[in-house]
Amino acid sequence: MTKLRELFWPRRGFVRSFQYLSKRVLRLSATPHAIAAGVVAGVVSSWTPFIGLHFLLAFAIAYLIAGNMVAAAIGTAFGNPLTFPLIWATTWEVGHRMIGKGDPVTQSVDLEQKFSLARLDSMWEPILKPMLIGAVPLAALSGVVLYCVIYVSVSKFQQRRRIRLAERARVRLAEAIEGSSV
């Protein structure tokens, strides 16, 4: 029972998971562009309604924009069981309004009937089309913002790391020279 509970609510909270993923992204050995582009590819793919294809989509996008594949895989964590309902509702709402079909709250879509048929053509018009159209501006906006934030963060982290490693090398060299002269 605790394993099931921890699947939905980790024992140490979501902050720890977010910190782990953040550190994992920062410590990747790639250029800041590759890391930022990879994470953005993962996040952009998570905006789409194609569950099960997010990794493949993220890898394809990362390949096209010269992103890091590991960062792309990490970026797909944006779409998870807690965020998917929000993502789907938001993309559907935005897409429905962009298509110009009026207030979607007043329209009723029999989702149970559409999903029971499990045919793409029966789900395309009322569900998938608005979600895909709505995903475009949301993915673009989040992609631009995340790219800038991650690029700057990774650049600063890598610069501080180079300085720290150079200082350690200088200290070791000084100790080695001092030890050999004794």
N, C-alpha and C. Protein backbone atom coordinates (compact mmCIF):
# COMPACT_ATOMS: atom_id res chain seq x y z
N MET A 1 0.82 -1.19 0.00
CA MET A 1 0.00 0.00 0.00
C MET A 1 0.87 1.26 0.00
N THR A 2 1.99 1.25 0.73
CA THR A 2 2.86 2.42 0.76
C THR A 2 3.50 2.65 -0.60
N LYS A 3 3.82 1.58 -1.32
CA LYS A 3 4.40 1.73 -2.66
C LYS A 3 3.42 2.44 -3.59
N LEU A 4 2.15 2.07 -3.49
CA LEU A 4 1.12 2.70 -4.31
C LEU A 4 0.96 4.16 -3.94
N ARG A 5 0.96 4.47 -2.64
CA ARG A 5 0.84 5.85 -2.19
C ARG A 5 2.04 6.67 -2.65
N GLU A 6 3.24 6.11 -2.55
CA GLU A 6 4.45 6.83 -2.95
C GLU A 6 4.53 7.06 -4.45
N LEU A 7 3.81 6.23 -5.22
CA LEU A 7 3.76 6.44 -6.65
C LEU A 7 3.09 7.77 -6.97
N PHE A 8 2.05 8.11 -6.21
CA PHE A 8 1.32 9.35 -6.45
C PHE A 8 1.78 10.51 -5.57
N TRP A 9 2.31 10.20 -4.40
CA TRP A 9 2.79 11.24 -3.51
C TRP A 9 4.08 10.76 -2.86
N PRO A 10 5.24 11.15 -3.38
CA PRO A 10 6.51 10.68 -2.84
C PRO A 10 6.68 11.03 -1.36
N ARG A 11 7.36 10.15 -0.66
CA ARG A 11 7.56 10.32 0.78
C ARG A 11 8.26 11.65 1.09
N ARG A 12 9.24 12.00 0.31
CA ARG A 12 9.99 13.23 0.57
C ARG A 12 9.48 14.42 -0.24
N GLY A 13 8.36 14.24 -0.88
CA GLY A 13 7.73 15.35 -1.58
C GLY A 13 8.22 15.53 -3.01
N PHE A 14 7.55 16.41 -3.70
CA PHE A 14 7.86 16.65 -5.10
C PHE A 14 9.04 17.60 -5.27
N VAL A 15 9.32 18.38 -4.26
CA VAL A 15 10.45 19.32 -4.34
C VAL A 15 11.75 18.56 -4.52
N ARG A 16 11.90 17.48 -3.80
CA ARG A 16 13.13 16.68 -3.90
C ARG A 16 13.28 16.10 -5.31
N SER A 17 12.19 15.62 -5.88
CA SER A 17 12.23 15.09 -7.25
C SER A 17 12.60 16.18 -8.24
N PHE A 18 12.03 17.36 -8.07
CA PHE A 18 12.34 18.48 -8.94
C PHE A 18 13.81 18.88 -8.80
N GLN A 19 14.32 18.90 -7.56
CA GLN A 19 15.72 19.24 -7.34
C GLN A 19 16.64 18.22 -7.99
N TYR A 20 16.27 16.94 -7.89
CA TYR A 20 17.08 15.89 -8.51
C TYR A 20 17.15 16.09 -10.02
N LEU A 21 16.00 16.32 -10.65
CA LEU A 21 15.97 16.51 -12.10
C LEU A 21 16.74 17.77 -12.50
N SER A 22 16.62 18.82 -11.69
CA SER A 22 17.36 20.05 -11.98
C SER A 22 18.86 19.83 -11.95
N LYS A 23 19.32 19.15 -10.91
CA LYS A 23 20.76 18.88 -10.80
C LYS A 23 21.22 17.94 -11.91
N ARG A 24 20.38 17.01 -12.28
CA ARG A 24 20.72 16.07 -13.35
C ARG A 24 20.88 16.82 -14.66
N VAL A 25 20.02 17.77 -14.92
CA VAL A 25 20.11 18.57 -16.14
C VAL A 25 21.37 19.44 -16.10
N LEU A 26 21.62 20.11 -14.98
CA LEU A 26 22.78 20.99 -14.88
C LEU A 26 24.10 20.24 -15.06
N ARG A 27 24.15 19.01 -14.62
CA ARG A 27 25.40 18.24 -14.64
C ARG A 27 25.65 17.50 -15.95
N LEU A 28 24.76 17.63 -16.90
CA LEU A 28 24.99 16.98 -18.19
C LEU A 28 26.22 17.58 -18.85
N SER A 29 26.97 16.75 -19.52
CA SER A 29 28.18 17.25 -20.19
C SER A 29 27.86 17.51 -21.66
N ALA A 30 27.32 18.66 -21.91
CA ALA A 30 27.00 19.11 -23.26
C ALA A 30 26.99 20.63 -23.24
N THR A 31 26.82 21.21 -24.40
CA THR A 31 26.78 22.66 -24.46
C THR A 31 25.47 23.16 -23.83
N PRO A 32 25.46 24.39 -23.37
CA PRO A 32 24.21 24.94 -22.82
C PRO A 32 23.06 24.90 -23.83
N HIS A 33 23.38 25.14 -25.11
CA HIS A 33 22.32 25.07 -26.13
C HIS A 33 21.75 23.65 -26.22
N ALA A 34 22.61 22.65 -26.27
CA ALA A 34 22.15 21.27 -26.42
C ALA A 34 21.28 20.85 -25.24
N ILE A 35 21.69 21.25 -24.05
CA ILE A 35 20.92 20.88 -22.86
C ILE A 35 19.57 21.61 -22.85
N ALA A 36 19.59 22.90 -23.08
CA ALA A 36 18.34 23.68 -23.09
C ALA A 36 17.41 23.21 -24.20
N ALA A 37 17.96 22.97 -25.37
CA ALA A 37 17.14 22.50 -26.50
C ALA A 37 16.57 21.11 -26.22
N GLY A 38 17.34 20.26 -25.58
CA GLY A 38 16.85 18.94 -25.24
C GLY A 38 15.69 18.98 -24.26
N VAL A 39 15.84 19.77 -23.20
CA VAL A 39 14.75 19.89 -22.22
C VAL A 39 13.51 20.48 -22.88
N VAL A 40 13.70 21.48 -23.69
CA VAL A 40 12.57 22.10 -24.39
C VAL A 40 11.88 21.08 -25.30
N ALA A 41 12.66 20.25 -25.97
CA ALA A 41 12.06 19.21 -26.83
C ALA A 41 11.17 18.27 -26.01
N GLY A 42 11.63 17.91 -24.82
CA GLY A 42 10.83 17.04 -23.96
C GLY A 42 9.56 17.72 -23.48
N VAL A 43 9.66 18.97 -23.11
CA VAL A 43 8.49 19.71 -22.63
C VAL A 43 7.49 19.93 -23.78
N VAL A 44 8.00 20.30 -24.93
CA VAL A 44 7.12 20.53 -26.09
C VAL A 44 6.37 19.24 -26.44
N SER A 45 7.06 18.12 -26.41
CA SER A 45 6.38 16.85 -26.73
C SER A 45 5.32 16.51 -25.68
N SER A 46 5.53 16.93 -24.46
CA SER A 46 4.55 16.64 -23.40
C SER A 46 3.25 17.42 -23.57
N TRP A 47 3.28 18.51 -24.32
CA TRP A 47 2.06 19.27 -24.57
C TRP A 47 1.13 18.55 -25.53
N THR A 48 1.65 17.61 -26.31
CA THR A 48 0.82 16.91 -27.28
C THR A 48 -0.02 15.83 -26.60
N PRO A 49 -1.14 15.45 -27.19
CA PRO A 49 -1.99 14.43 -26.57
C PRO A 49 -1.56 12.99 -26.88
N PHE A 50 -0.38 12.81 -27.45
CA PHE A 50 0.05 11.48 -27.88
C PHE A 50 0.81 10.74 -26.78
N ILE A 51 0.06 10.25 -25.81
CA ILE A 51 0.66 9.50 -24.70
C ILE A 51 1.33 8.26 -25.27
N GLY A 52 2.49 7.95 -24.78
CA GLY A 52 3.22 6.79 -25.26
C GLY A 52 4.19 7.13 -26.36
N LEU A 53 4.03 8.29 -26.95
CA LEU A 53 4.93 8.71 -28.02
C LEU A 53 5.77 9.92 -27.62
N HIS A 54 5.64 10.36 -26.39
CA HIS A 54 6.35 11.57 -25.97
C HIS A 54 7.86 11.42 -26.07
N PHE A 55 8.40 10.26 -25.68
CA PHE A 55 9.85 10.07 -25.78
C PHE A 55 10.30 10.12 -27.23
N LEU A 56 9.61 9.41 -28.09
CA LEU A 56 9.99 9.40 -29.51
C LEU A 56 9.87 10.79 -30.12
N LEU A 57 8.80 11.46 -29.80
CA LEU A 57 8.60 12.82 -30.29
C LEU A 57 9.69 13.76 -29.76
N ALA A 58 10.02 13.62 -28.47
CA ALA A 58 11.07 14.46 -27.87
C ALA A 58 12.42 14.20 -28.53
N PHE A 59 12.73 12.93 -28.79
CA PHE A 59 14.00 12.61 -29.43
C PHE A 59 14.06 13.16 -30.85
N ALA A 60 12.95 13.09 -31.57
CA ALA A 60 12.91 13.62 -32.93
C ALA A 60 13.10 15.14 -32.93
N ILE A 61 12.40 15.81 -32.03
CA ILE A 61 12.53 17.27 -31.94
C ILE A 61 13.95 17.64 -31.52
N ALA A 62 14.48 16.93 -30.53
CA ALA A 62 15.85 17.21 -30.06
C ALA A 62 16.86 17.01 -31.18
N TYR A 63 16.67 15.98 -31.96
CA TYR A 63 17.57 15.72 -33.09
C TYR A 63 17.53 16.87 -34.09
N LEU A 64 16.32 17.36 -34.37
CA LEU A 64 16.16 18.44 -35.35
C LEU A 64 16.75 19.77 -34.88
N ILE A 65 16.73 20.01 -33.57
CA ILE A 65 17.25 21.30 -33.07
C ILE A 65 18.58 21.14 -32.34
N ALA A 66 19.26 20.02 -32.58
CA ALA A 66 20.58 19.74 -32.00
C ALA A 66 20.55 19.75 -30.48
N GLY A 67 19.53 19.11 -29.93
CA GLY A 67 19.39 19.02 -28.48
C GLY A 67 19.98 17.73 -27.94
N ASN A 68 20.24 17.71 -26.67
CA ASN A 68 20.77 16.54 -25.98
C ASN A 68 19.63 15.55 -25.74
N MET A 69 19.86 14.28 -26.08
CA MET A 69 18.81 13.26 -25.95
C MET A 69 18.46 12.96 -24.49
N VAL A 70 19.45 12.95 -23.62
CA VAL A 70 19.19 12.71 -22.19
C VAL A 70 18.35 13.86 -21.63
N ALA A 71 18.70 15.07 -22.01
CA ALA A 71 17.92 16.24 -21.56
C ALA A 71 16.50 16.17 -22.10
N ALA A 72 16.34 15.67 -23.32
CA ALA A 72 14.99 15.53 -23.89
C ALA A 72 14.18 14.52 -23.08
N ALA A 73 14.81 13.42 -22.70
CA ALA A 73 14.10 12.42 -21.89
C ALA A 73 13.72 13.01 -20.54
N ILE A 74 14.61 13.78 -19.94
CA ILE A 74 14.30 14.41 -18.66
C ILE A 74 13.18 15.44 -18.83
N GLY A 75 13.18 16.15 -19.93
CA GLY A 75 12.15 17.15 -20.18
C GLY A 75 10.76 16.57 -20.30
N THR A 76 10.66 15.31 -20.69
CA THR A 76 9.33 14.70 -20.80
C THR A 76 8.69 14.49 -19.42
N ALA A 77 9.46 14.64 -18.36
CA ALA A 77 8.90 14.53 -17.01
C ALA A 77 7.91 15.66 -16.73
N PHE A 78 7.92 16.69 -17.56
CA PHE A 78 6.92 17.76 -17.46
C PHE A 78 5.51 17.18 -17.55
N GLY A 79 5.36 16.20 -18.45
CA GLY A 79 4.08 15.51 -18.58
C GLY A 79 4.09 14.29 -17.68
N ASN A 80 3.29 14.31 -16.66
CA ASN A 80 3.22 13.19 -15.71
C ASN A 80 1.78 13.06 -15.24
N PRO A 81 1.46 12.02 -14.50
CA PRO A 81 0.06 11.82 -14.10
C PRO A 81 -0.56 13.01 -13.35
N LEU A 82 0.24 13.81 -12.72
CA LEU A 82 -0.31 14.97 -12.01
C LEU A 82 -0.56 16.16 -12.95
N THR A 83 0.28 16.30 -13.96
CA THR A 83 0.13 17.46 -14.85
C THR A 83 -0.71 17.18 -16.09
N PHE A 84 -0.85 15.91 -16.47
CA PHE A 84 -1.60 15.62 -17.69
C PHE A 84 -3.04 16.16 -17.68
N PRO A 85 -3.80 16.00 -16.62
CA PRO A 85 -5.15 16.57 -16.67
C PRO A 85 -5.15 18.08 -16.93
N LEU A 86 -4.22 18.80 -16.30
CA LEU A 86 -4.11 20.24 -16.52
C LEU A 86 -3.68 20.53 -17.96
N ILE A 87 -2.70 19.78 -18.44
CA ILE A 87 -2.21 19.98 -19.81
C ILE A 87 -3.34 19.73 -20.81
N TRP A 88 -4.04 18.63 -20.66
CA TRP A 88 -5.11 18.29 -21.59
C TRP A 88 -6.24 19.30 -21.56
N ALA A 89 -6.64 19.69 -20.37
CA ALA A 89 -7.73 20.67 -20.26
C ALA A 89 -7.31 22.00 -20.89
N THR A 90 -6.09 22.42 -20.62
CA THR A 90 -5.61 23.70 -21.14
C THR A 90 -5.48 23.67 -22.66
N THR A 91 -4.87 22.62 -23.20
CA THR A 91 -4.69 22.56 -24.65
C THR A 91 -6.03 22.46 -25.36
N TRP A 92 -6.96 21.71 -24.79
CA TRP A 92 -8.28 21.59 -25.41
C TRP A 92 -9.01 22.93 -25.38
N GLU A 93 -8.96 23.59 -24.25
CA GLU A 93 -9.64 24.89 -24.11
C GLU A 93 -9.06 25.91 -25.07
N VAL A 94 -7.73 26.04 -25.09
CA VAL A 94 -7.08 27.01 -25.98
C VAL A 94 -7.36 26.66 -27.44
N GLY A 95 -7.22 25.39 -27.79
CA GLY A 95 -7.46 24.97 -29.17
C GLY A 95 -8.89 25.18 -29.60
N HIS A 96 -9.82 24.89 -28.72
CA HIS A 96 -11.23 25.06 -29.03
C HIS A 96 -11.55 26.53 -29.28
N ARG A 97 -10.96 27.40 -28.49
CA ARG A 97 -11.18 28.85 -28.68
C ARG A 97 -10.49 29.34 -29.96
N MET A 98 -9.31 28.78 -30.27
CA MET A 98 -8.60 29.18 -31.49
C MET A 98 -9.36 28.76 -32.74
N ILE A 99 -10.00 27.61 -32.68
CA ILE A 99 -10.79 27.15 -33.82
C ILE A 99 -12.01 28.04 -34.01
N GLY A 100 -12.47 28.63 -32.91
CA GLY A 100 -13.59 29.56 -32.98
C GLY A 100 -14.94 28.90 -32.83
N LYS A 101 -14.99 27.89 -32.01
CA LYS A 101 -16.26 27.18 -31.83
C LYS A 101 -17.03 27.70 -30.63
N GLY A 102 -16.74 28.90 -30.18
CA GLY A 102 -17.50 29.47 -29.08
C GLY A 102 -17.02 28.98 -27.73
N ASP A 103 -17.88 29.11 -26.76
CA ASP A 103 -17.55 28.74 -25.39
C ASP A 103 -17.64 27.22 -25.24
N PRO A 104 -16.48 26.53 -25.09
CA PRO A 104 -16.51 25.08 -25.02
C PRO A 104 -17.19 24.53 -23.78
N VAL A 105 -17.35 25.34 -22.74
CA VAL A 105 -17.98 24.86 -21.52
C VAL A 105 -19.45 24.53 -21.78
N THR A 106 -20.09 25.27 -22.69
CA THR A 106 -21.51 25.03 -22.96
C THR A 106 -21.71 23.85 -23.89
N GLN A 107 -20.67 23.45 -24.62
CA GLN A 107 -20.80 22.32 -25.51
C GLN A 107 -20.54 21.04 -24.74
N SER A 108 -21.27 20.02 -25.10
CA SER A 108 -21.12 18.73 -24.44
C SER A 108 -20.54 17.73 -25.42
N VAL A 109 -19.43 17.11 -25.03
CA VAL A 109 -18.82 16.07 -25.84
C VAL A 109 -18.92 14.78 -25.05
N ASP A 110 -19.51 13.78 -25.65
CA ASP A 110 -19.65 12.49 -24.98
C ASP A 110 -18.33 11.73 -25.11
N LEU A 111 -17.40 12.01 -24.18
CA LEU A 111 -16.07 11.40 -24.25
C LEU A 111 -16.13 9.89 -24.09
N GLU A 112 -17.01 9.42 -23.24
CA GLU A 112 -17.10 7.97 -23.03
C GLU A 112 -17.45 7.27 -24.35
N GLN A 113 -18.38 7.85 -25.08
CA GLN A 113 -18.77 7.26 -26.35
C GLN A 113 -17.64 7.35 -27.37
N LYS A 114 -16.95 8.48 -27.40
CA LYS A 114 -15.85 8.66 -28.35
C LYS A 114 -14.71 7.69 -28.07
N PHE A 115 -14.34 7.53 -26.79
CA PHE A 115 -13.25 6.64 -26.45
C PHE A 115 -13.65 5.18 -26.55
N SER A 116 -14.93 4.86 -26.37
CA SER A 116 -15.35 3.47 -26.48
C SER A 116 -15.26 3.00 -27.93
N LEU A 117 -15.46 3.91 -28.86
CA LEU A 117 -15.28 3.56 -30.27
C LEU A 117 -13.80 3.37 -30.59
N ALA A 118 -12.95 4.10 -29.89
CA ALA A 118 -11.49 4.01 -30.01
C ALA A 118 -11.02 4.09 -31.45
N ARG A 119 -11.67 4.96 -32.19
CA ARG A 119 -11.25 5.18 -33.56
C ARG A 119 -10.77 6.62 -33.69
N LEU A 120 -9.68 6.78 -34.40
CA LEU A 120 -9.08 8.11 -34.55
C LEU A 120 -10.05 9.09 -35.20
N ASP A 121 -10.78 8.64 -36.20
CA ASP A 121 -11.67 9.57 -36.90
C ASP A 121 -12.82 10.05 -36.02
N SER A 122 -13.24 9.25 -35.04
CA SER A 122 -14.31 9.70 -34.15
C SER A 122 -13.80 10.64 -33.06
N MET A 123 -12.50 10.58 -32.77
CA MET A 123 -11.92 11.45 -31.73
C MET A 123 -11.25 12.68 -32.31
N TRP A 124 -10.98 12.69 -33.62
CA TRP A 124 -10.21 13.78 -34.21
C TRP A 124 -10.88 15.13 -34.04
N GLU A 125 -12.07 15.29 -34.56
CA GLU A 125 -12.73 16.60 -34.58
C GLU A 125 -13.04 17.14 -33.18
N PRO A 126 -13.67 16.37 -32.30
CA PRO A 126 -14.04 16.97 -31.01
C PRO A 126 -12.91 17.02 -29.98
N ILE A 127 -11.87 16.19 -30.11
CA ILE A 127 -10.89 16.10 -29.03
C ILE A 127 -9.47 16.40 -29.51
N LEU A 128 -8.95 15.58 -30.42
CA LEU A 128 -7.54 15.68 -30.80
C LEU A 128 -7.20 16.95 -31.57
N LYS A 129 -8.04 17.35 -32.49
CA LYS A 129 -7.77 18.56 -33.28
C LYS A 129 -7.65 19.80 -32.38
N PRO A 130 -8.61 20.05 -31.48
CA PRO A 130 -8.44 21.21 -30.60
C PRO A 130 -7.22 21.09 -29.69
N MET A 131 -6.93 19.88 -29.22
CA MET A 131 -5.78 19.70 -28.34
C MET A 131 -4.47 19.99 -29.08
N LEU A 132 -4.35 19.52 -30.31
CA LEU A 132 -3.13 19.78 -31.08
C LEU A 132 -2.98 21.24 -31.43
N ILE A 133 -4.07 21.87 -31.83
CA ILE A 133 -4.02 23.30 -32.16
C ILE A 133 -3.70 24.11 -30.91
N GLY A 134 -4.29 23.76 -29.79
CA GLY A 134 -4.03 24.47 -28.54
C GLY A 134 -2.64 24.23 -27.99
N ALA A 135 -2.06 23.09 -28.33
CA ALA A 135 -0.72 22.77 -27.84
C ALA A 135 0.35 23.65 -28.49
N VAL A 136 0.12 24.10 -29.71
CA VAL A 136 1.13 24.87 -30.43
C VAL A 136 1.53 26.15 -29.71
N PRO A 137 0.60 27.07 -29.39
CA PRO A 137 1.05 28.29 -28.71
C PRO A 137 1.56 28.03 -27.29
N LEU A 138 0.96 27.06 -26.60
CA LEU A 138 1.42 26.76 -25.24
C LEU A 138 2.83 26.17 -25.25
N ALA A 139 3.09 25.27 -26.19
CA ALA A 139 4.42 24.68 -26.31
C ALA A 139 5.45 25.73 -26.74
N ALA A 140 5.07 26.60 -27.66
CA ALA A 140 5.99 27.64 -28.12
C ALA A 140 6.34 28.60 -26.98
N LEU A 141 5.35 29.04 -26.24
CA LEU A 141 5.59 29.96 -25.13
C LEU A 141 6.45 29.32 -24.05
N SER A 142 6.07 28.12 -23.63
CA SER A 142 6.86 27.46 -22.58
C SER A 142 8.25 27.11 -23.10
N GLY A 143 8.36 26.78 -24.38
CA GLY A 143 9.66 26.45 -24.95
C GLY A 143 10.63 27.63 -24.94
N VAL A 144 10.14 28.79 -25.32
CA VAL A 144 10.99 29.99 -25.35
C VAL A 144 11.43 30.36 -23.93
N VAL A 145 10.48 30.37 -23.01
CA VAL A 145 10.81 30.73 -21.63
C VAL A 145 11.80 29.73 -21.02
N LEU A 146 11.50 28.44 -21.16
CA LEU A 146 12.38 27.42 -20.59
C LEU A 146 13.76 27.42 -21.24
N TYR A 147 13.82 27.62 -22.55
CA TYR A 147 15.12 27.65 -23.21
C TYR A 147 16.00 28.74 -22.61
N CYS A 148 15.43 29.93 -22.46
CA CYS A 148 16.21 31.06 -21.92
C CYS A 148 16.67 30.78 -20.49
N VAL A 149 15.76 30.30 -19.66
CA VAL A 149 16.09 30.03 -18.25
C VAL A 149 17.15 28.93 -18.15
N ILE A 150 16.96 27.84 -18.87
CA ILE A 150 17.89 26.71 -18.77
C ILE A 150 19.23 27.06 -19.39
N TYR A 151 19.24 27.76 -20.52
CA TYR A 151 20.50 28.14 -21.15
C TYR A 151 21.36 28.98 -20.20
N VAL A 152 20.75 29.98 -19.59
CA VAL A 152 21.50 30.85 -18.66
C VAL A 152 21.95 30.05 -17.44
N SER A 153 21.08 29.23 -16.88
CA SER A 153 21.42 28.43 -15.69
C SER A 153 22.57 27.48 -15.97
N VAL A 154 22.51 26.78 -17.08
CA VAL A 154 23.57 25.82 -17.42
C VAL A 154 24.87 26.55 -17.71
N SER A 155 24.81 27.67 -18.40
CA SER A 155 26.03 28.45 -18.69
C SER A 155 26.72 28.88 -17.40
N LYS A 156 25.94 29.42 -16.48
CA LYS A 156 26.53 29.86 -15.20
C LYS A 156 27.06 28.69 -14.39
N PHE A 157 26.32 27.58 -14.36
CA PHE A 157 26.76 26.40 -13.62
C PHE A 157 28.07 25.88 -14.19
N GLN A 158 28.14 25.77 -15.51
CA GLN A 158 29.35 25.24 -16.14
C GLN A 158 30.54 26.19 -15.94
N GLN A 159 30.30 27.47 -15.96
CA GLN A 159 31.37 28.44 -15.73
C GLN A 159 31.91 28.32 -14.30
N ARG A 160 31.00 28.26 -13.32
CA ARG A 160 31.44 28.08 -11.92
C ARG A 160 32.17 26.77 -11.74
N ARG A 161 31.71 25.74 -12.41
CA ARG A 161 32.36 24.42 -12.30
C ARG A 161 33.77 24.45 -12.88
N ARG A 162 33.95 25.10 -14.03
CA ARG A 162 35.29 25.22 -14.62
C ARG A 162 36.23 25.97 -13.68
N ILE A 163 35.75 27.03 -13.07
CA ILE A 163 36.58 27.81 -12.13
C ILE A 163 36.95 26.96 -10.93
N ARG A 164 35.98 26.22 -10.40
CA ARG A 164 36.22 25.35 -9.24
C ARG A 164 37.23 24.25 -9.58
N LEU A 165 37.10 23.64 -10.74
CA LEU A 165 38.03 22.58 -11.15
C LEU A 165 39.43 23.15 -11.40
N ALA A 166 39.51 24.33 -11.98
CA ALA A 166 40.82 24.95 -12.21
C ALA A 166 41.50 25.28 -10.89
N GLU A 167 40.72 25.74 -9.92
CA GLU A 167 41.28 26.04 -8.60
C GLU A 167 41.80 24.77 -7.93
N ARG A 168 41.03 23.69 -8.01
CA ARG A 168 41.48 22.42 -7.44
C ARG A 168 42.76 21.93 -8.11
N ALA A 169 42.83 22.06 -9.43
CA ALA A 169 44.04 21.64 -10.15
C ALA A 169 45.23 22.49 -9.75
N ARG A 170 45.01 23.79 -9.56
CA ARG A 170 46.09 24.68 -9.15
C ARG A 170 46.60 24.29 -7.77
N VAL A 171 45.67 23.99 -6.84
CA VAL A 171 46.06 23.59 -5.48
C VAL A 171 46.83 22.27 -5.51
N ARG A 172 46.36 21.31 -6.28
CA ARG A 172 47.04 20.02 -6.37
C ARG A 172 48.43 20.16 -6.96
N LEU A 173 48.56 21.00 -7.98
CA LEU A 173 49.85 21.22 -8.61
C LEU A 173 50.81 21.89 -7.61
N ALA A 174 50.31 22.85 -6.85
CA ALA A 174 51.14 23.52 -5.85
C ALA A 174 51.57 22.53 -4.78
N GLU A 175 50.66 21.66 -4.36
CA GLU A 175 51.01 20.63 -3.36
C GLU A 175 52.03 19.66 -3.91
N ALA A 176 51.89 19.28 -5.19
CA ALA A 176 52.83 18.33 -5.80
C ALA A 176 54.21 18.96 -5.93
N ILE A 177 54.27 20.22 -6.29
CA ILE A 177 55.56 20.91 -6.43
C ILE A 177 56.20 21.06 -5.06
N GLU A 178 55.39 21.43 -4.08
CA GLU A 178 55.90 21.59 -2.72
C GLU A 178 56.38 20.25 -2.16
N GLY A 179 55.64 19.18 -2.44
CA GLY A 179 56.02 17.85 -1.94
C GLY A 179 57.28 17.33 -2.61
N SER A 180 57.52 17.65 -3.88
CA SER A 180 58.70 17.15 -4.59
C SER A 180 59.96 17.94 -4.21
N SER A 181 59.79 19.16 -3.73
CA SER A 181 60.96 19.98 -3.38
C SER A 181 61.44 19.67 -1.96
N VAL A 182 60.65 18.94 -1.20
CA VAL A 182 61.04 18.66 0.18
C VAL A 182 62.01 17.53 0.26
